[in-house]
PDB file of N, CA and C in Angstrom:
ATOM      1  N   MET A   1      99.148 109.380 101.973  1.00  0.00           N
ATOM      2  CA  MET A   1     100.381 109.011 102.310  1.00  0.00           C
ATOM      3  C   MET A   1     101.267 108.951 103.850  1.00  0.00           C
ATOM      4  N   ARG A   2     102.216 108.429 103.881  1.00  0.00           N
ATOM      5  CA  ARG A   2     102.806 108.186 105.440  1.00  0.00           C
ATOM      6  C   ARG A   2     104.193 108.095 105.038  1.00  0.00           C
ATOM      7  N   VAL A   3     105.378 109.071 105.510  1.00  0.00           N
ATOM      8  CA  VAL A   3     106.783 108.884 105.640  1.00  0.00           C
ATOM      9  C   VAL A   3     106.705 107.957 106.720  1.00  0.00           C
ATOM     10  N   VAL A   4     107.418 106.968 106.939  1.00  0.00           N
ATOM     11  CA  VAL A   4     108.005 106.310 108.127  1.00  0.00           C
ATOM     12  C   VAL A   4     109.591 105.711 107.980  1.00  0.00           C
ATOM     13  N   VAL A   5     110.072 105.672 109.118  1.00  0.00           N
ATOM     14  CA  VAL A   5     111.470 105.076 109.371  1.00  0.00           C
ATOM     15  C   VAL A   5     110.881 103.798 110.335  1.00  0.00           C
ATOM     16  N   GLU A   6     111.566 102.613 110.260  1.00  0.00           N
ATOM     17  CA  GLU A   6     112.168 101.570 110.891  1.00  0.00           C
ATOM     18  C   GLU A   6     113.354 101.601 112.051  1.00  0.00           C
ATOM     19  N   LYS A   7     112.604 101.664 113.013  1.00  0.00           N
ATOM     20  CA  LYS A   7     113.703 101.812 114.266  1.00  0.00           C
ATOM     21  C   LYS A   7     113.352 100.276 115.267  1.00  0.00           C
ATOM     22  N   GLU A   8     114.521  99.603 115.334  1.00  0.00           N
ATOM     23  CA  GLU A   8     114.613  98.572 116.031  1.00  0.00           C
ATOM     24  C   GLU A   8     113.303  97.624 115.768  1.00  0.00           C
ATOM     25  N   GLY A   9     113.062  97.426 114.367  1.00  0.00           N
ATOM     26  CA  GLY A   9     111.433  96.550 114.019  1.00  0.00           C
ATOM     27  C   GLY A   9     110.158  97.046 114.376  1.00  0.00           C
ATOM     28  N   LYS A  10     110.388  98.674 114.503  1.00  0.00           N
ATOM     29  CA  LYS A  10     108.787  99.370 114.556  1.00  0.00           C
ATOM     30  C   LYS A  10     108.996 100.279 113.626  1.00  0.00           C
ATOM     31  N   GLU A  11     107.803 100.716 113.281  1.00  0.00           N
ATOM     32  CA  GLU A  11     107.836 102.178 112.818  1.00  0.00           C
ATOM     33  C   GLU A  11     107.029 103.191 113.349  1.00  0.00           C
ATOM     34  N   GLU A  12     107.938 103.889 113.082  1.00  0.00           N
ATOM     35  CA  GLU A  12     108.094 105.348 113.354  1.00  0.00           C
ATOM     36  C   GLU A  12     107.465 106.359 112.060  1.00  0.00           C
ATOM     37  N   VAL A  13     106.664 106.795 112.544  1.00  0.00           N
ATOM     38  CA  VAL A  13     105.883 107.831 111.827  1.00  0.00           C
ATOM     39  C   VAL A  13     106.288 109.134 112.020  1.00  0.00           C
ATOM     40  N   MET A  14     107.016 110.090 110.716  1.00  0.00           N
ATOM     41  CA  MET A  14     107.654 110.841 110.403  1.00  0.00           C
ATOM     42  C   MET A  14     106.806 111.887 110.525  1.00  0.00           C
ATOM     43  N   PHE A  15     106.163 111.587 108.641  1.00  0.00           N
ATOM     44  CA  PHE A  15     104.935 112.478 108.526  1.00  0.00           C
ATOM     45  C   PHE A  15     103.648 112.056 108.135  1.00  0.00           C
ATOM     46  N   GLU A  16     102.320 112.925 107.867  1.00  0.00           N
ATOM     47  CA  GLU A  16     101.160 112.154 107.540  1.00  0.00           C
ATOM     48  C   GLU A  16     100.668 112.883 106.546  1.00  0.00           C
ATOM     49  N   ASN A  17     100.010 112.595 106.267  1.00  0.00           N
ATOM     50  CA  ASN A  17      99.143 113.876 104.327  1.00  0.00           C
ATOM     51  C   ASN A  17     100.565 113.888 103.499  1.00  0.00           C
ATOM     52  N   VAL A  18     101.302 113.484 103.312  1.00  0.00           N
ATOM     53  CA  VAL A  18     102.067 113.736 102.529  1.00  0.00           C
ATOM     54  C   VAL A  18     101.599 114.120 101.210  1.00  0.00           C
ATOM     55  N   THR A  19     101.767 115.197 100.674  1.00  0.00           N
ATOM     56  CA  THR A  19     101.463 115.308  99.205  1.00  0.00           C
ATOM     57  C   THR A  19     102.720 115.633  98.288  1.00  0.00           C
ATOM     58  N   ARG A  20     103.502 115.847  98.529  1.00  0.00           N
ATOM     59  CA  ARG A  20     105.018 115.406  97.542  1.00  0.00           C
ATOM     60  C   ARG A  20     106.058 115.083  98.309  1.00  0.00           C
ATOM     61  N   LEU A  21     107.040 114.547  97.557  1.00  0.00           N
ATOM     62  CA  LEU A  21     108.404 113.940  97.959  1.00  0.00           C
ATOM     63  C   LEU A  21     109.275 114.041  96.839  1.00  0.00           C
ATOM     64  N   ASP A  22     110.334 115.045  97.612  1.00  0.00           N
ATOM     65  CA  ASP A  22     111.856 115.033  96.526  1.00  0.00           C
ATOM     66  C   ASP A  22     112.898 114.629  96.850  1.00  0.00           C
ATOM     67  N   VAL A  23     113.744 114.303  96.058  1.00  0.00           N
ATOM     68  CA  VAL A  23     115.217 113.175  96.288  1.00  0.00           C
ATOM     69  C   VAL A  23     115.456 114.390  95.617  1.00  0.00           C
ATOM     70  N   ILE A  24     116.369 114.872  96.814  1.00  0.00           N
ATOM     71  CA  ILE A  24     117.450 116.255  96.494  1.00  0.00           C
ATOM     72  C   ILE A  24     118.850 116.195  97.033  1.00  0.00           C
ATOM     73  N   GLU A  25     119.834 116.809  96.815  1.00  0.00           N
ATOM     74  CA  GLU A  25     121.223 116.175  97.397  1.00  0.00           C
ATOM     75  C   GLU A  25     121.638 116.103  98.437  1.00  0.00           C
ATOM     76  N   GLN A  26     120.885 116.504  99.040  1.00  0.00           N
ATOM     77  CA  GLN A  26     121.152 116.335 100.842  1.00  0.00           C
ATOM     78  C   GLN A  26     120.389 115.890 101.587  1.00  0.00           C
ATOM     79  N   GLY A  27     119.609 114.778 100.998  1.00  0.00           N
ATOM     80  CA  GLY A  27     118.429 113.735 101.494  1.00  0.00           C
ATOM     81  C   GLY A  27     117.686 113.778 100.813  1.00  0.00           C
ATOM     82  N   ILE A  28     115.643 114.016 101.580  1.00  0.00           N
ATOM     83  CA  ILE A  28     114.842 114.159 100.739  1.00  0.00           C
ATOM     84  C   ILE A  28     114.117 115.066 101.268  1.00  0.00           C
ATOM     85  N   ALA A  29     113.186 115.962 100.570  1.00  0.00           N
ATOM     86  CA  ALA A  29     112.436 116.878 101.164  1.00  0.00           C
ATOM     87  C   ALA A  29     110.495 116.441 100.809  1.00  0.00           C
ATOM     88  N   VAL A  30     110.289 116.836 101.897  1.00  0.00           N
ATOM     89  CA  VAL A  30     108.958 116.074 101.937  1.00  0.00           C
ATOM     90  C   VAL A  30     107.994 117.160 102.491  1.00  0.00           C
ATOM     91  N   ALA A  31     106.813 117.563 101.550  1.00  0.00           N
ATOM     92  CA  ALA A  31     105.875 118.750 101.786  1.00  0.00           C
ATOM     93  C   ALA A  31     104.231 117.862 102.095  1.00  0.00           C
ATOM     94  N   THR A  32     103.644 118.439 103.237  1.00  0.00           N
ATOM     95  CA  THR A  32     102.392 117.768 103.469  1.00  0.00           C
ATOM     96  C   THR A  32     101.465 118.670 103.078  1.00  0.00           C
ATOM     97  N   LEU A  33     100.288 118.103 103.661  1.00  0.00           N
ATOM     98  CA  LEU A  33      99.443 119.059 103.570  1.00  0.00           C
ATOM     99  C   LEU A  33      98.850 120.270 104.435  1.00  0.00           C
ATOM    100  N   PHE A  34      98.752 120.067 105.633  1.00  0.00           N
ATOM    101  CA  PHE A  34      99.070 120.761 106.648  1.00  0.00           C
ATOM    102  C   PHE A  34     100.265 121.478 107.417  1.00  0.00           C
ATOM    103  N   GLU A  35     101.105 120.880 107.037  1.00  0.00           N
ATOM    104  CA  GLU A  35     102.684 121.681 107.488  1.00  0.00           C
ATOM    105  C   GLU A  35     103.286 122.475 106.561  1.00  0.00           C
ATOM    106  N   GLY A  36     103.532 122.195 105.466  1.00  0.00           N
ATOM    107  CA  GLY A  36     104.114 122.551 104.348  1.00  0.00           C
ATOM    108  C   GLY A  36     105.267 122.283 103.865  1.00  0.00           C
ATOM    109  N   SER A  37     106.827 122.362 103.529  1.00  0.00           N
ATOM    110  CA  SER A  37     107.661 121.432 103.408  1.00  0.00           C
ATOM    111  C   SER A  37     109.127 121.218 104.217  1.00  0.00           C
ATOM    112  N   ARG A  38     109.873 120.326 104.756  1.00  0.00           N
ATOM    113  CA  ARG A  38     110.497 120.381 104.976  1.00  0.00           C
ATOM    114  C   ARG A  38     111.977 119.182 104.343  1.00  0.00           C
ATOM    115  N   GLU A  39     112.877 119.164 105.019  1.00  0.00           N
ATOM    116  CA  GLU A  39     114.080 118.469 104.338  1.00  0.00           C
ATOM    117  C   GLU A  39     114.542 118.001 105.370  1.00  0.00           C
ATOM    118  N   ILE A  40     114.804 116.700 105.394  1.00  0.00           N
ATOM    119  CA  ILE A  40     115.171 115.564 105.737  1.00  0.00           C
ATOM    120  C   ILE A  40     116.724 115.312 105.608  1.00  0.00           C
ATOM    121  N   VAL A  41     117.801 116.072 106.311  1.00  0.00           N
ATOM    122  CA  VAL A  41     119.184 116.223 105.787  1.00  0.00           C
ATOM    123  C   VAL A  41     119.568 114.046 105.898  1.00  0.00           C
ATOM    124  N   GLY A  42     120.227 113.722 105.014  1.00  0.00           N
ATOM    125  CA  GLY A  42     120.999 112.374 104.722  1.00  0.00           C
ATOM    126  C   GLY A  42     119.900 111.383 104.820  1.00  0.00           C
ATOM    127  N   ALA A  43     118.960 111.479 104.417  1.00  0.00           N
ATOM    128  CA  ALA A  43     117.810 110.783 104.304  1.00  0.00           C
ATOM    129  C   ALA A  43     117.997 109.988 102.804  1.00  0.00           C
ATOM    130  N   ALA A  44     117.252 108.785 102.849  1.00  0.00           N
ATOM    131  CA  ALA A  44     117.135 108.114 101.803  1.00  0.00           C
ATOM    132  C   ALA A  44     116.050 107.162 101.382  1.00  0.00           C
ATOM    133  N   LEU A  45     115.527 107.290 100.505  1.00  0.00           N
ATOM    134  CA  LEU A  45     114.347 106.238  99.872  1.00  0.00           C
ATOM    135  C   LEU A  45     114.986 104.746 100.157  1.00  0.00           C
ATOM    136  N   ARG A  46     114.069 104.095 100.766  1.00  0.00           N
ATOM    137  CA  ARG A  46     114.192 102.476 100.997  1.00  0.00           C
ATOM    138  C   ARG A  46     113.429 101.890 100.046  1.00  0.00           C
ATOM    139  N   ARG A  47     112.008 102.447 100.501  1.00  0.00           N
ATOM    140  CA  ARG A  47     110.913 101.453  99.689  1.00  0.00           C
ATOM    141  C   ARG A  47     109.515 102.317  99.521  1.00  0.00           C
ATOM    142  N   ILE A  48     108.422 102.094  98.817  1.00  0.00           N
ATOM    143  CA  ILE A  48     107.443 102.663  98.722  1.00  0.00           C
ATOM    144  C   ILE A  48     106.329 101.479  99.110  1.00  0.00           C
ATOM    145  N   ASP A  49     105.258 101.503  99.925  1.00  0.00           N
ATOM    146  CA  ASP A  49     104.180 100.480  99.822  1.00  0.00           C
ATOM    147  C   ASP A  49     102.929 100.930  99.466  1.00  0.00           C
ATOM    148  N   PHE A  50     102.774 101.074  97.898  1.00  0.00           N
ATOM    149  CA  PHE A  50     101.609 102.003  97.327  1.00  0.00           C
ATOM    150  C   PHE A  50     100.038 101.413  98.018  1.00  0.00           C
ATOM    151  N   LEU A  51      99.924 100.366  98.183  1.00  0.00           N
ATOM    152  CA  LEU A  51      98.854  99.831  98.948  1.00  0.00           C
ATOM    153  C   LEU A  51      98.997 100.332 100.142  1.00  0.00           C
ATOM    154  N   GLY A  52      99.926 100.191 101.243  1.00  0.00           N
ATOM    155  CA  GLY A  52      99.735 100.453 102.402  1.00  0.00           C
ATOM    156  C   GLY A  52      99.560 102.028 102.497  1.00  0.00           C
ATOM    157  N   GLY A  53      99.974 102.649 101.249  1.00  0.00           N
ATOM    158  CA  GLY A  53     100.266 104.496 101.794  1.00  0.00           C
ATOM    159  C   GLY A  53     101.350 105.099 102.792  1.00  0.00           C
ATOM    160  N   LYS A  54     102.645 103.965 102.199  1.00  0.00           N
ATOM    161  CA  LYS A  54     103.661 104.408 103.266  1.00  0.00           C
ATOM    162  C   LYS A  54     104.942 104.603 102.395  1.00  0.00           C
ATOM    163  N   VAL A  55     105.883 105.306 102.783  1.00  0.00           N
ATOM    164  CA  VAL A  55     107.235 105.613 101.862  1.00  0.00           C
ATOM    165  C   VAL A  55     108.173 105.406 103.224  1.00  0.00           C
ATOM    166  N   TYR A  56     108.930 104.416 103.028  1.00  0.00           N
ATOM    167  CA  TYR A  56     109.843 104.095 103.993  1.00  0.00           C
ATOM    168  C   TYR A  56     111.514 104.562 103.446  1.00  0.00           C
ATOM    169  N   LEU A  57     111.569 105.509 104.478  1.00  0.00           N
ATOM    170  CA  LEU A  57     113.373 105.907 104.657  1.00  0.00           C
ATOM    171  C   LEU A  57     114.261 105.834 105.393  1.00  0.00           C
ATOM    172  N   SER A  58     115.520 105.741 104.888  1.00  0.00           N
ATOM    173  CA  SER A  58     116.513 105.199 106.271  1.00  0.00           C
ATOM    174  C   SER A  58     117.273 106.531 106.249  1.00  0.00           C
ATOM    175  N   LEU A  59     117.649 106.672 107.432  1.00  0.00           N
ATOM    176  CA  LEU A  59     118.459 107.648 108.081  1.00  0.00           C
ATOM    177  C   LEU A  59     119.815 107.829 107.971  1.00  0.00           C
ATOM    178  N   SER A  60     120.769 108.699 107.953  1.00  0.00           N
ATOM    179  CA  SER A  60     122.393 107.833 107.976  1.00  0.00           C
ATOM    180  C   SER A  60     122.694 108.764 108.956  1.00  0.00           C
TER     181      SER A  60
END
């Protein structure tokens, strides 16, 4: 699964091989297979494309 953000009509991949995604008070916490866990402050979940393997976030 990938975490992406859309900017100016194009997808920007933020994370690959995502194993866990948590909605936290400050935003979103993302854990990956190889990089561990990181928090994205101010991020919000926009949509999930299960077939495409993508999670779309919006950043504020």
